[in-house]
PDB file of N, CA and C in Angstrom:
ATOM      1  N   UNK A   1     -39.388 -30.799 -63.262  1.00  0.00           N
ATOM      2  CA  UNK A   1     -38.961 -32.126 -62.837  1.00  0.00           C
ATOM      3  C   UNK A   1     -37.456 -32.266 -63.075  1.00  0.00           C
ATOM      4  N   UNK A   2     -36.749 -32.724 -62.076  1.00  0.00           N
ATOM      5  CA  UNK A   2     -35.307 -32.879 -62.184  1.00  0.00           C
ATOM      6  C   UNK A   2     -34.962 -34.071 -63.077  1.00  0.00           C
ATOM      7  N   UNK A   3     -34.017 -33.884 -63.954  1.00  0.00           N
ATOM      8  CA  UNK A   3     -33.600 -34.956 -64.849  1.00  0.00           C
ATOM      9  C   UNK A   3     -32.895 -36.051 -64.061  1.00  0.00           C
ATOM     10  N   UNK A   4     -33.205 -37.291 -64.401  1.00  0.00           N
ATOM     11  CA  UNK A   4     -32.540 -38.415 -63.744  1.00  0.00           C
ATOM     12  C   UNK A   4     -31.095 -38.472 -64.226  1.00  0.00           C
ATOM     13  N   UNK A   5     -30.239 -38.993 -63.419  1.00  0.00           N
ATOM     14  CA  UNK A   5     -28.835 -39.133 -63.790  1.00  0.00           C
ATOM     15  C   UNK A   5     -28.566 -40.544 -64.306  1.00  0.00           C
ATOM     16  N   UNK A   6     -29.475 -41.037 -65.106  1.00  0.00           N
ATOM     17  CA  UNK A   6     -29.317 -42.384 -65.646  1.00  0.00           C
ATOM     18  C   UNK A   6     -28.211 -42.401 -66.693  1.00  0.00           C
ATOM     19  N   UNK A   7     -27.615 -43.576 -66.825  1.00  0.00           N
ATOM     20  CA  UNK A   7     -26.529 -43.760 -67.781  1.00  0.00           C
ATOM     21  C   UNK A   7     -26.756 -45.051 -68.544  1.00  0.00           C
ATOM     22  N   UNK A   8     -26.226 -45.090 -69.730  1.00  0.00           N
ATOM     23  CA  UNK A   8     -26.222 -46.308 -70.521  1.00  0.00           C
ATOM     24  C   UNK A   8     -25.067 -47.158 -70.009  1.00  0.00           C
ATOM     25  N   UNK A   9     -25.361 -48.370 -69.561  1.00  0.00           N
ATOM     26  CA  UNK A   9     -24.338 -49.226 -68.964  1.00  0.00           C
ATOM     27  C   UNK A   9     -24.350 -50.607 -69.612  1.00  0.00           C
ATOM     28  N   UNK A  10     -23.230 -51.297 -69.529  1.00  0.00           N
ATOM     29  CA  UNK A  10     -23.125 -52.661 -70.017  1.00  0.00           C
ATOM     30  C   UNK A  10     -23.732 -53.585 -68.958  1.00  0.00           C
ATOM     31  N   UNK A  11     -24.640 -54.479 -69.367  1.00  0.00           N
ATOM     32  CA  UNK A  11     -25.350 -55.364 -68.450  1.00  0.00           C
ATOM     33  C   UNK A  11     -24.971 -56.809 -68.762  1.00  0.00           C
ATOM     34  N   UNK A  12     -24.593 -57.554 -67.736  1.00  0.00           N
ATOM     35  CA  UNK A  12     -24.293 -58.976 -67.889  1.00  0.00           C
ATOM     36  C   UNK A  12     -25.157 -59.759 -66.914  1.00  0.00           C
ATOM     37  N   UNK A  13     -26.089 -60.520 -67.481  1.00  0.00           N
ATOM     38  CA  UNK A  13     -26.974 -61.393 -66.702  1.00  0.00           C
ATOM     39  C   UNK A  13     -26.979 -62.766 -67.361  1.00  0.00           C
ATOM     40  N   UNK A  14     -27.447 -63.793 -66.670  1.00  0.00           N
ATOM     41  CA  UNK A  14     -27.467 -65.122 -67.280  1.00  0.00           C
ATOM     42  C   UNK A  14     -28.201 -65.170 -68.633  1.00  0.00           C
ATOM     43  N   UNK A  15     -29.291 -64.450 -68.764  1.00  0.00           N
ATOM     44  CA  UNK A  15     -30.073 -64.513 -70.004  1.00  0.00           C
ATOM     45  C   UNK A  15     -29.912 -63.265 -70.878  1.00  0.00           C
ATOM     46  N   UNK A  16     -29.004 -62.365 -70.529  1.00  0.00           N
ATOM     47  CA  UNK A  16     -28.843 -61.139 -71.306  1.00  0.00           C
ATOM     48  C   UNK A  16     -27.426 -60.602 -71.191  1.00  0.00           C
ATOM     49  N   UNK A  17     -26.897 -60.148 -72.320  1.00  0.00           N
ATOM     50  CA  UNK A  17     -25.589 -59.510 -72.372  1.00  0.00           C
ATOM     51  C   UNK A  17     -25.720 -58.358 -73.354  1.00  0.00           C
ATOM     52  N   UNK A  18     -25.667 -57.133 -72.848  1.00  0.00           N
ATOM     53  CA  UNK A  18     -25.829 -55.985 -73.736  1.00  0.00           C
ATOM     54  C   UNK A  18     -25.994 -54.694 -72.967  1.00  0.00           C
ATOM     55  N   UNK A  19     -26.586 -53.706 -73.610  1.00  0.00           N
ATOM     56  CA  UNK A  19     -26.718 -52.366 -73.045  1.00  0.00           C
ATOM     57  C   UNK A  19     -28.031 -52.191 -72.309  1.00  0.00           C
ATOM     58  N   UNK A  20     -27.984 -51.450 -71.194  1.00  0.00           N
ATOM     59  CA  UNK A  20     -29.177 -51.186 -70.404  1.00  0.00           C
ATOM     60  C   UNK A  20     -29.056 -49.875 -69.648  1.00  0.00           C
ATOM     61  N   UNK A  21     -30.087 -49.581 -68.886  1.00  0.00           N
ATOM     62  CA  UNK A  21     -30.156 -48.351 -68.106  1.00  0.00           C
ATOM     63  C   UNK A  21     -29.615 -48.587 -66.698  1.00  0.00           C
ATOM     64  N   UNK A  22     -28.900 -47.615 -66.177  1.00  0.00           N
ATOM     65  CA  UNK A  22     -28.335 -47.717 -64.835  1.00  0.00           C
ATOM     66  C   UNK A  22     -29.388 -47.552 -63.739  1.00  0.00           C
ATOM     67  N   UNK A  23     -30.582 -47.045 -64.090  1.00  0.00           N
ATOM     68  CA  UNK A  23     -31.587 -46.735 -63.073  1.00  0.00           C
ATOM     69  C   UNK A  23     -32.850 -47.580 -63.129  1.00  0.00           C
ATOM     70  N   UNK A  24     -32.997 -48.423 -64.164  1.00  0.00           N
ATOM     71  CA  UNK A  24     -34.193 -49.256 -64.260  1.00  0.00           C
ATOM     72  C   UNK A  24     -33.860 -50.524 -65.027  1.00  0.00           C
ATOM     73  N   UNK A  25     -34.856 -51.330 -65.339  1.00  0.00           N
ATOM     74  CA  UNK A  25     -34.635 -52.619 -65.994  1.00  0.00           C
ATOM     75  C   UNK A  25     -34.658 -52.542 -67.522  1.00  0.00           C
ATOM     76  N   UNK A  26     -34.707 -51.339 -68.089  1.00  0.00           N
ATOM     77  CA  UNK A  26     -34.696 -51.206 -69.548  1.00  0.00           C
ATOM     78  C   UNK A  26     -33.390 -51.744 -70.111  1.00  0.00           C
ATOM     79  N   UNK A  27     -33.499 -52.535 -71.195  1.00  0.00           N
ATOM     80  CA  UNK A  27     -32.329 -53.005 -71.932  1.00  0.00           C
ATOM     81  C   UNK A  27     -32.585 -52.815 -73.419  1.00  0.00           C
ATOM     82  N   UNK A  28     -31.525 -52.649 -74.161  1.00  0.00           N
ATOM     83  CA  UNK A  28     -31.630 -52.460 -75.602  1.00  0.00           C
ATOM     84  C   UNK A  28     -31.669 -53.816 -76.290  1.00  0.00           C
ATOM     85  N   UNK A  29     -32.771 -54.072 -76.995  1.00  0.00           N
ATOM     86  CA  UNK A  29     -32.937 -55.299 -77.757  1.00  0.00           C
ATOM     87  C   UNK A  29     -33.122 -54.930 -79.221  1.00  0.00           C
ATOM     88  N   UNK A  30     -32.032 -54.901 -79.987  1.00  0.00           N
ATOM     89  CA  UNK A  30     -32.156 -54.522 -81.393  1.00  0.00           C
ATOM     90  C   UNK A  30     -32.989 -55.537 -82.164  1.00  0.00           C
ATOM     91  N   UNK A  31     -33.741 -55.044 -83.134  1.00  0.00           N
ATOM     92  CA  UNK A  31     -34.531 -55.926 -83.983  1.00  0.00           C
ATOM     93  C   UNK A  31     -33.930 -55.932 -85.375  1.00  0.00           C
ATOM     94  N   UNK A  32     -33.841 -57.101 -85.958  1.00  0.00           N
ATOM     95  CA  UNK A  32     -33.300 -57.228 -87.302  1.00  0.00           C
ATOM     96  C   UNK A  32     -31.794 -57.151 -87.336  1.00  0.00           C
ATOM     97  N   UNK A  33     -31.246 -57.482 -88.493  1.00  0.00           N
ATOM     98  CA  UNK A  33     -29.790 -57.454 -88.650  1.00  0.00           C
ATOM     99  C   UNK A  33     -29.275 -56.024 -88.786  1.00  0.00           C
ATOM    100  N   UNK A  34     -27.990 -55.813 -88.523  1.00  0.00           N
ATOM    101  CA  UNK A  34     -27.409 -54.475 -88.707  1.00  0.00           C
ATOM    102  C   UNK A  34     -27.521 -54.041 -90.171  1.00  0.00           C
ATOM    103  N   UNK A  35     -27.691 -52.752 -90.386  1.00  0.00           N
ATOM    104  CA  UNK A  35     -27.789 -52.227 -91.750  1.00  0.00           C
ATOM    105  C   UNK A  35     -26.625 -51.298 -92.031  1.00  0.00           C
ATOM    106  N   UNK A  36     -26.208 -51.264 -93.281  1.00  0.00           N
ATOM    107  CA  UNK A  36     -25.127 -50.381 -93.690  1.00  0.00           C
ATOM    108  C   UNK A  36     -24.281 -51.026 -94.762  1.00  0.00           C
ATOM    109  N   UNK A  37     -23.493 -50.195 -95.410  1.00  0.00           N
ATOM    110  CA  UNK A  37     -22.627 -50.652 -96.501  1.00  0.00           C
ATOM    111  C   UNK A  37     -21.271 -51.155 -96.002  1.00  0.00           C
ATOM    112  N   UNK A  38     -20.894 -50.768 -94.795  1.00  0.00           N
ATOM    113  CA  UNK A  38     -19.596 -51.177 -94.238  1.00  0.00           C
ATOM    114  C   UNK A  38     -19.773 -51.489 -92.760  1.00  0.00           C
ATOM    115  N   UNK A  39     -18.779 -52.111 -92.185  1.00  0.00           N
ATOM    116  CA  UNK A  39     -18.829 -52.420 -90.752  1.00  0.00           C
ATOM    117  C   UNK A  39     -18.950 -51.135 -89.936  1.00  0.00           C
ATOM    118  N   UNK A  40     -18.217 -50.104 -90.323  1.00  0.00           N
ATOM    119  CA  UNK A  40     -18.280 -48.825 -89.603  1.00  0.00           C
ATOM    120  C   UNK A  40     -19.687 -48.218 -89.681  1.00  0.00           C
ATOM    121  N   UNK A  41     -20.315 -48.312 -90.847  1.00  0.00           N
ATOM    122  CA  UNK A  41     -21.669 -47.771 -90.996  1.00  0.00           C
ATOM    123  C   UNK A  41     -22.671 -48.594 -90.186  1.00  0.00           C
ATOM    124  N   UNK A  42     -22.509 -49.920 -90.166  1.00  0.00           N
ATOM    125  CA  UNK A  42     -23.382 -50.779 -89.362  1.00  0.00           C
ATOM    126  C   UNK A  42     -23.252 -50.444 -87.881  1.00  0.00           C
ATOM    127  N   UNK A  43     -22.024 -50.246 -87.421  1.00  0.00           N
ATOM    128  CA  UNK A  43     -21.783 -49.891 -86.023  1.00  0.00           C
ATOM    129  C   UNK A  43     -22.420 -48.548 -85.696  1.00  0.00           C
ATOM    130  N   UNK A  44     -22.268 -47.588 -86.592  1.00  0.00           N
ATOM    131  CA  UNK A  44     -22.842 -46.266 -86.384  1.00  0.00           C
ATOM    132  C   UNK A  44     -24.358 -46.330 -86.290  1.00  0.00           C
ATOM    133  N   UNK A  45     -24.996 -47.088 -87.194  1.00  0.00           N
ATOM    134  CA  UNK A  45     -26.460 -47.222 -87.162  1.00  0.00           C
ATOM    135  C   UNK A  45     -26.923 -47.890 -85.867  1.00  0.00           C
ATOM    136  N   UNK A  46     -26.195 -48.936 -85.441  1.00  0.00           N
ATOM    137  CA  UNK A  46     -26.511 -49.626 -84.193  1.00  0.00           C
ATOM    138  C   UNK A  46     -26.444 -48.658 -83.017  1.00  0.00           C
ATOM    139  N   UNK A  47     -25.363 -47.905 -82.919  1.00  0.00           N
ATOM    140  CA  UNK A  47     -25.183 -46.971 -81.813  1.00  0.00           C
ATOM    141  C   UNK A  47     -26.228 -45.862 -81.825  1.00  0.00           C
ATOM    142  N   UNK A  48     -26.568 -45.368 -83.005  1.00  0.00           N
ATOM    143  CA  UNK A  48     -27.595 -44.325 -83.107  1.00  0.00           C
ATOM    144  C   UNK A  48     -28.942 -44.834 -82.630  1.00  0.00           C
ATOM    145  N   UNK A  49     -29.307 -46.050 -83.055  1.00  0.00           N
ATOM    146  CA  UNK A  49     -30.588 -46.624 -82.638  1.00  0.00           C
ATOM    147  C   UNK A  49     -30.592 -46.885 -81.131  1.00  0.00           C
ATOM    148  N   UNK A  50     -29.510 -47.458 -80.617  1.00  0.00           N
ATOM    149  CA  UNK A  50     -29.394 -47.723 -79.175  1.00  0.00           C
ATOM    150  C   UNK A  50     -29.526 -46.432 -78.375  1.00  0.00           C
ATOM    151  N   UNK A  51     -28.796 -45.410 -78.777  1.00  0.00           N
ATOM    152  CA  UNK A  51     -28.819 -44.139 -78.051  1.00  0.00           C
ATOM    153  C   UNK A  51     -30.180 -43.461 -78.132  1.00  0.00           C
ATOM    154  N   UNK A  52     -30.820 -43.523 -79.298  1.00  0.00           N
ATOM    155  CA  UNK A  52     -32.152 -42.927 -79.474  1.00  0.00           C
ATOM    156  C   UNK A  52     -33.175 -43.627 -78.575  1.00  0.00           C
ATOM    157  N   UNK A  53     -33.154 -44.968 -78.554  1.00  0.00           N
ATOM    158  CA  UNK A  53     -34.087 -45.717 -77.705  1.00  0.00           C
ATOM    159  C   UNK A  53     -33.802 -45.472 -76.228  1.00  0.00           C
ATOM    160  N   UNK A  54     -32.524 -45.369 -75.852  1.00  0.00           N
ATOM    161  CA  UNK A  54     -32.179 -45.092 -74.456  1.00  0.00           C
ATOM    162  C   UNK A  54     -32.716 -43.728 -74.030  1.00  0.00           C
ATOM    163  N   UNK A  55     -32.482 -42.705 -74.856  1.00  0.00           N
ATOM    164  CA  UNK A  55     -32.950 -41.358 -74.514  1.00  0.00           C
ATOM    165  C   UNK A  55     -34.472 -41.292 -74.404  1.00  0.00           C
ATOM    166  N   UNK A  56     -35.184 -42.079 -75.209  1.00  0.00           N
ATOM    167  CA  UNK A  56     -36.635 -41.972 -75.227  1.00  0.00           C
ATOM    168  C   UNK A  56     -37.339 -42.885 -74.228  1.00  0.00           C
ATOM    169  N   UNK A  57     -36.627 -43.824 -73.594  1.00  0.00           N
ATOM    170  CA  UNK A  57     -37.335 -44.717 -72.669  1.00  0.00           C
ATOM    171  C   UNK A  57     -37.705 -43.972 -71.381  1.00  0.00           C
ATOM    172  N   UNK A  58     -38.750 -44.448 -70.740  1.00  0.00           N
ATOM    173  CA  UNK A  58     -39.242 -43.863 -69.488  1.00  0.00           C
ATOM    174  C   UNK A  58     -38.984 -44.877 -68.378  1.00  0.00           C
ATOM    175  N   UNK A  59     -38.098 -44.526 -67.464  1.00  0.00           N
ATOM    176  CA  UNK A  59     -37.710 -45.456 -66.395  1.00  0.00           C
ATOM    177  C   UNK A  59     -38.917 -45.959 -65.598  1.00  0.00           C
ATOM    178  N   UNK A  60     -39.904 -45.111 -65.377  1.00  0.00           N
ATOM    179  CA  UNK A  60     -41.071 -45.500 -64.587  1.00  0.00           C
ATOM    180  C   UNK A  60     -41.856 -46.642 -65.232  1.00  0.00           C
ATOM    181  N   UNK A  61     -41.645 -46.862 -66.523  1.00  0.00           N
ATOM    182  CA  UNK A  61     -42.342 -47.937 -67.223  1.00  0.00           C
ATOM    183  C   UNK A  61     -41.603 -49.266 -67.145  1.00  0.00           C
ATOM    184  N   UNK A  62     -40.437 -49.277 -66.504  1.00  0.00           N
ATOM    185  CA  UNK A  62     -39.621 -50.485 -66.399  1.00  0.00           C
ATOM    186  C   UNK A  62     -39.323 -50.744 -64.931  1.00  0.00           C
ATOM    187  N   UNK A  63     -39.494 -51.973 -64.510  1.00  0.00           N
ATOM    188  CA  UNK A  63     -39.252 -52.348 -63.125  1.00  0.00           C
ATOM    189  C   UNK A  63     -37.846 -51.944 -62.698  1.00  0.00           C
ATOM    190  N   UNK A  64     -37.708 -51.501 -61.476  1.00  0.00           N
ATOM    191  CA  UNK A  64     -36.383 -51.125 -60.961  1.00  0.00           C
ATOM    192  C   UNK A  64     -35.776 -52.258 -60.150  1.00  0.00           C
ATOM    193  N   UNK A  65     -36.321 -53.454 -60.267  1.00  0.00           N
ATOM    194  CA  UNK A  65     -35.813 -54.584 -59.492  1.00  0.00           C
ATOM    195  C   UNK A  65     -34.559 -55.185 -60.078  1.00  0.00           C
ATOM    196  N   UNK A  66     -34.119 -54.706 -61.236  1.00  0.00           N
ATOM    197  CA  UNK A  66     -32.908 -55.201 -61.877  1.00  0.00           C
ATOM    198  C   UNK A  66     -31.724 -54.974 -60.955  1.00  0.00           C
ATOM    199  N   UNK A  67     -30.872 -55.965 -60.831  1.00  0.00           N
ATOM    200  CA  UNK A  67     -29.683 -55.776 -60.004  1.00  0.00           C
ATOM    201  C   UNK A  67     -28.709 -54.859 -60.723  1.00  0.00           C
ATOM    202  N   UNK A  68     -28.139 -53.944 -60.006  1.00  0.00           N
ATOM    203  CA  UNK A  68     -27.187 -52.986 -60.580  1.00  0.00           C
ATOM    204  C   UNK A  68     -25.885 -53.690 -60.881  1.00  0.00           C
ATOM    205  N   UNK A  69     -25.244 -53.272 -61.992  1.00  0.00           N
ATOM    206  CA  UNK A  69     -23.957 -53.867 -62.364  1.00  0.00           C
ATOM    207  C   UNK A  69     -22.849 -52.881 -62.188  1.00  0.00           C
TER     208      UNK A  69
END
């Protein structure tokens, strides 16, 4: 199966502002407050979680009706 050329993109919608998939309606919705001892560590943890969830999501499980940004 050919890998999709999906990308993590910034999404701006009336009810959502954040990261999402370029090929489907998946968006990153972090749960809980950021964790870490410093702002840099909190940012790193946020980015790691976002990237891990993005890599593991399955586009076919999310509607593709999202308007592209």
